[in-house]
C-alpha atoms as a PDB file:
ATOM      1  CA  MET A   1      44.531   0.718  36.016  1.00  0.00           C
ATOM      2  CA  SER A   2      43.010   0.602  32.559  1.00  0.00           C
ATOM      3  CA  THR A   3      42.607   3.732  30.462  1.00  0.00           C
ATOM      4  CA  LYS A   4      40.156   2.038  28.094  1.00  0.00           C
ATOM      5  CA  ALA A   5      36.703   3.627  28.114  1.00  0.00           C
ATOM      6  CA  PRO A   6      33.863   1.348  29.207  1.00  0.00           C
ATOM      7  CA  PHE A   7      31.582  -0.067  26.500  1.00  0.00           C
ATOM      8  CA  MET A   8      28.631   2.167  25.824  1.00  0.00           C
ATOM      9  CA  ASN A   9      25.572   1.634  23.695  1.00  0.00           C
ATOM     10  CA  HIS A  10      25.133   4.056  20.828  1.00  0.00           C
ATOM     11  CA  GLY A  11      21.798   4.869  19.295  1.00  0.00           C
ATOM     12  CA  VAL A  12      21.224   5.891  15.722  1.00  0.00           C
ATOM     13  CA  ASN A  13      17.964   7.266  14.375  1.00  0.00           C
ATOM     14  CA  ILE A  14      17.667   7.141  10.597  1.00  0.00           C
ATOM     15  CA  GLY A  15      14.675   8.500   8.735  1.00  0.00           C
ATOM     16  CA  SER A  16      15.373   6.929   5.359  1.00  0.00           C
ATOM     17  CA  ILE A  17      18.269   5.695   3.286  1.00  0.00           C
ATOM     18  CA  THR A  18      18.534   5.311  -0.459  1.00  0.00           C
ATOM     19  CA  SER A  19      21.344   3.012  -1.440  1.00  0.00           C
ATOM     20  CA  SER A  20      22.447   0.858  -4.323  1.00  0.00           C
ATOM     21  CA  GLY A  21      24.381  -1.402  -1.973  1.00  0.00           C
ATOM     22  CA  PRO A  22      24.677  -2.517   1.631  1.00  0.00           C
ATOM     23  CA  VAL A  23      24.561   0.056   4.420  1.00  0.00           C
ATOM     24  CA  ALA A  24      26.105  -0.221   7.883  1.00  0.00           C
ATOM     25  CA  VAL A  25      25.523   2.474  10.494  1.00  0.00           C
ATOM     26  CA  GLY A  26      27.057   2.924  13.903  1.00  0.00           C
ATOM     27  CA  GLU A  27      30.163   1.854  15.719  1.00  0.00           C
ATOM     28  CA  GLY A  28      31.210  -1.663  14.741  1.00  0.00           C
ATOM     29  CA  ALA A  29      28.326  -2.085  12.289  1.00  0.00           C
ATOM     30  CA  THR A  30      28.746  -4.411   9.331  1.00  0.00           C
ATOM     31  CA  ALA A  31      26.752  -4.975   6.181  1.00  0.00           C
ATOM     32  CA  THR A  32      26.750  -7.889   3.782  1.00  0.00           C
ATOM     33  CA  LEU A  33      25.690  -7.911   0.158  1.00  0.00           C
ATOM     34  CA  TYR A  34      24.247 -11.155  -1.158  1.00  0.00           C
ATOM     35  CA  VAL A  35      24.179 -11.337  -4.948  1.00  0.00           C
ATOM     36  CA  THR A  36      21.639 -13.586  -6.586  1.00  0.00           C
ATOM     37  CA  GLN A  37      22.313 -14.624 -10.160  1.00  0.00           C
ATOM     38  CA  ILE A  38      18.772 -15.024 -11.398  1.00  0.00           C
ATOM     39  CA  SER A  39      19.907 -15.991 -14.881  1.00  0.00           C
ATOM     40  CA  GLU A  40      21.396 -19.214 -13.444  1.00  0.00           C
ATOM     41  CA  HIS A  41      17.931 -20.230 -12.239  1.00  0.00           C
ATOM     42  CA  ARG A  42      15.885 -18.948 -15.159  1.00  0.00           C
ATOM     43  CA  GLU A  43      14.183 -22.279 -15.936  1.00  0.00           C
ATOM     44  CA  GLU A  44      13.099 -22.765 -12.314  1.00  0.00           C
ATOM     45  CA  LEU A  45      11.901 -19.182 -12.184  1.00  0.00           C
ATOM     46  CA  VAL A  46       9.838 -19.490 -15.377  1.00  0.00           C
ATOM     47  CA  ALA A  47       8.319 -22.751 -14.084  1.00  0.00           C
ATOM     48  CA  ALA A  48       7.350 -21.067 -10.798  1.00  0.00           C
ATOM     49  CA  LEU A  49       5.825 -18.138 -12.702  1.00  0.00           C
ATOM     50  CA  ASP A  50       3.787 -20.641 -14.757  1.00  0.00           C
ATOM     51  CA  GLN A  51       2.608 -22.278 -11.518  1.00  0.00           C
ATOM     52  CA  LEU A  52       1.637 -18.894 -10.106  1.00  0.00           C
ATOM     53  CA  ARG A  53      -0.309 -17.998 -13.252  1.00  0.00           C
ATOM     54  CA  GLU A  54      -2.109 -21.354 -13.116  1.00  0.00           C
ATOM     55  CA  ALA A  55      -2.915 -20.945  -9.407  1.00  0.00           C
ATOM     56  CA  LEU A  56      -4.309 -17.449 -10.004  1.00  0.00           C
ATOM     57  CA  SER A  57      -6.618 -18.783 -12.701  1.00  0.00           C
ATOM     58  CA  ARG A  58      -7.988 -21.454 -10.332  1.00  0.00           C
ATOM     59  CA  THR A  59      -8.380 -19.232  -7.280  1.00  0.00           C
ATOM     60  CA  GLY A  60     -11.782 -17.649  -6.703  1.00  0.00           C
ATOM     61  CA  LEU A  61     -10.515 -14.089  -7.057  1.00  0.00           C
ATOM     62  CA  ASP A  62     -12.676 -11.326  -8.455  1.00  0.00           C
ATOM     63  CA  ARG A  63     -11.881 -10.525 -12.076  1.00  0.00           C
ATOM     64  CA  GLY A  64     -10.122  -7.213 -11.340  1.00  0.00           C
ATOM     65  CA  THR A  65      -7.780  -8.675  -8.725  1.00  0.00           C
ATOM     66  CA  ARG A  66      -7.005 -11.725 -10.843  1.00  0.00           C
ATOM     67  CA  ARG A  67      -6.273  -9.599 -13.922  1.00  0.00           C
ATOM     68  CA  ALA A  68      -4.020  -7.225 -11.960  1.00  0.00           C
ATOM     69  CA  CYS A  69      -2.077 -10.186 -10.563  1.00  0.00           C
ATOM     70  CA  GLU A  70      -1.824 -11.767 -14.028  1.00  0.00           C
ATOM     71  CA  GLU A  71      -0.402  -8.502 -15.383  1.00  0.00           C
ATOM     72  CA  TYR A  72       2.193  -8.527 -12.604  1.00  0.00           C
ATOM     73  CA  VAL A  73       3.111 -12.101 -13.532  1.00  0.00           C
ATOM     74  CA  GLU A  74       3.559 -10.942 -17.140  1.00  0.00           C
ATOM     75  CA  SER A  75       5.912  -8.206 -15.881  1.00  0.00           C
ATOM     76  CA  LEU A  76       7.853 -10.787 -13.877  1.00  0.00           C
ATOM     77  CA  GLU A  77       8.137 -12.998 -16.954  1.00  0.00           C
ATOM     78  CA  ALA A  78       9.445 -10.068 -19.004  1.00  0.00           C
ATOM     79  CA  GLU A  79      12.041  -9.330 -16.322  1.00  0.00           C
ATOM     80  CA  ALA A  80      13.029 -13.007 -16.170  1.00  0.00           C
ATOM     81  CA  ARG A  81      13.740 -12.988 -19.918  1.00  0.00           C
ATOM     82  CA  LYS A  82      16.269 -10.163 -19.599  1.00  0.00           C
ATOM     83  CA  GLU A  83      19.954 -11.003 -19.773  1.00  0.00           C
ATOM     84  CA  GLN A  84      20.514  -9.557 -16.278  1.00  0.00           C
ATOM     85  CA  PRO A  85      17.190  -9.669 -14.390  1.00  0.00           C
ATOM     86  CA  ASP A  86      17.003  -7.255 -11.465  1.00  0.00           C
ATOM     87  CA  PRO A  87      16.138  -8.917  -8.117  1.00  0.00           C
ATOM     88  CA  ALA A  88      14.783  -5.597  -6.785  1.00  0.00           C
ATOM     89  CA  ILE A  89      12.177  -5.506  -9.550  1.00  0.00           C
ATOM     90  CA  PHE A  90      11.052  -9.011  -8.632  1.00  0.00           C
ATOM     91  CA  GLY A  91      10.732  -7.954  -4.992  1.00  0.00           C
ATOM     92  CA  THR A  92       8.705  -4.881  -5.884  1.00  0.00           C
ATOM     93  CA  ILE A  93       6.339  -6.731  -8.189  1.00  0.00           C
ATOM     94  CA  LEU A  94       5.913  -9.696  -5.814  1.00  0.00           C
ATOM     95  CA  GLY A  95       5.029  -7.154  -3.140  1.00  0.00           C
ATOM     96  CA  ARG A  96       2.312  -5.749  -5.400  1.00  0.00           C
ATOM     97  CA  VAL A  97       0.928  -9.227  -6.059  1.00  0.00           C
ATOM     98  CA  ALA A  98       0.902  -9.912  -2.311  1.00  0.00           C
ATOM     99  CA  SER A  99      -0.831  -6.593  -1.626  1.00  0.00           C
ATOM    100  CA  HIS A 100      -3.588  -7.317  -4.149  1.00  0.00           C
ATOM    101  CA  LEU A 101      -4.096 -10.797  -2.755  1.00  0.00           C
ATOM    102  CA  ARG A 102      -4.261  -9.506   0.834  1.00  0.00           C
ATOM    103  CA  SER A 103      -6.757  -6.827  -0.240  1.00  0.00           C
ATOM    104  CA  ALA A 104      -8.896  -9.562  -1.765  1.00  0.00           C
ATOM    105  CA  GLY A 105      -8.860 -11.442   1.547  1.00  0.00           C
ATOM    106  CA  VAL A 106      -6.469 -14.200   0.483  1.00  0.00           C
ATOM    107  CA  VAL A 107      -4.402 -15.625   3.332  1.00  0.00           C
ATOM    108  CA  LEU A 108      -1.360 -17.004   1.532  1.00  0.00           C
ATOM    109  CA  ARG A 109      -0.128 -19.207   4.346  1.00  0.00           C
ATOM    110  CA  GLU A 110      -3.446 -21.047   4.023  1.00  0.00           C
ATOM    111  CA  THR A 111      -3.494 -21.090   0.209  1.00  0.00           C
ATOM    112  CA  LEU A 112      -0.861 -23.635  -0.788  1.00  0.00           C
ATOM    113  CA  ALA A 113      -1.414 -23.320  -4.565  1.00  0.00           C
ATOM    114  CA  LEU A 114      -0.449 -19.631  -4.456  1.00  0.00           C
ATOM    115  CA  ARG A 115       2.044 -19.844  -1.603  1.00  0.00           C
ATOM    116  CA  GLN A 116       4.360 -22.436  -3.162  1.00  0.00           C
ATOM    117  CA  PRO A 117       5.194 -20.585  -6.394  1.00  0.00           C
ATOM    118  CA  ILE A 118       5.536 -17.256  -4.559  1.00  0.00           C
ATOM    119  CA  GLU A 119       7.931 -18.844  -2.045  1.00  0.00           C
ATOM    120  CA  THR A 120       9.933 -20.379  -4.904  1.00  0.00           C
ATOM    121  CA  ILE A 121      10.145 -17.094  -6.823  1.00  0.00           C
ATOM    122  CA  ALA A 122      11.115 -15.145  -3.696  1.00  0.00           C
ATOM    123  CA  GLY A 123      13.812 -17.694  -2.874  1.00  0.00           C
ATOM    124  CA  LEU A 124      15.266 -17.661  -6.376  1.00  0.00           C
ATOM    125  CA  VAL A 125      15.528 -13.878  -6.495  1.00  0.00           C
ATOM    126  CA  GLY A 126      16.597 -13.400  -2.878  1.00  0.00           C
ATOM    127  CA  THR A 127      13.482 -11.580  -1.681  1.00  0.00           C
ATOM    128  CA  SER A 128      12.285 -11.896   1.896  1.00  0.00           C
ATOM    129  CA  LEU A 129       8.731 -13.114   2.383  1.00  0.00           C
ATOM    130  CA  THR A 130       8.645 -11.082   5.582  1.00  0.00           C
ATOM    131  CA  LEU A 131       9.465  -7.907   3.657  1.00  0.00           C
ATOM    132  CA  LEU A 132       6.667  -8.739   1.263  1.00  0.00           C
ATOM    133  CA  LYS A 133       4.400  -8.963   4.345  1.00  0.00           C
ATOM    134  CA  LEU A 134       3.382 -12.476   3.379  1.00  0.00           C
ATOM    135  CA  TRP A 135       4.206 -13.915   6.799  1.00  0.00           C
END
């Protein structure tokens, strides 16, 4: 006869977590940290930012939305020039760009000129397009 307890599911309810690294919660949970070295891909990143800026100028956005998005691109460029760019900042700013575009009625999956550079930037900095609510 076995004395081992039967497997049981465990539930965890978490309101919010602030962390500077991976978090694992619950029995047997694991967490993985993926580190993206943006500086290794700086040229690709700058090229994608240029493509995004160009696409914004050609898209029929109202002036306020276009200018806000252009300012975000300028912030992304400034971050890209830093010695150690912060992927979290890229994620936050890309999220703001996406929010402005959605508010303006832009459907990114149908707007290839905007979608391609955003996908490239997100991939280079390790940001999920799903988290940005782009897909």
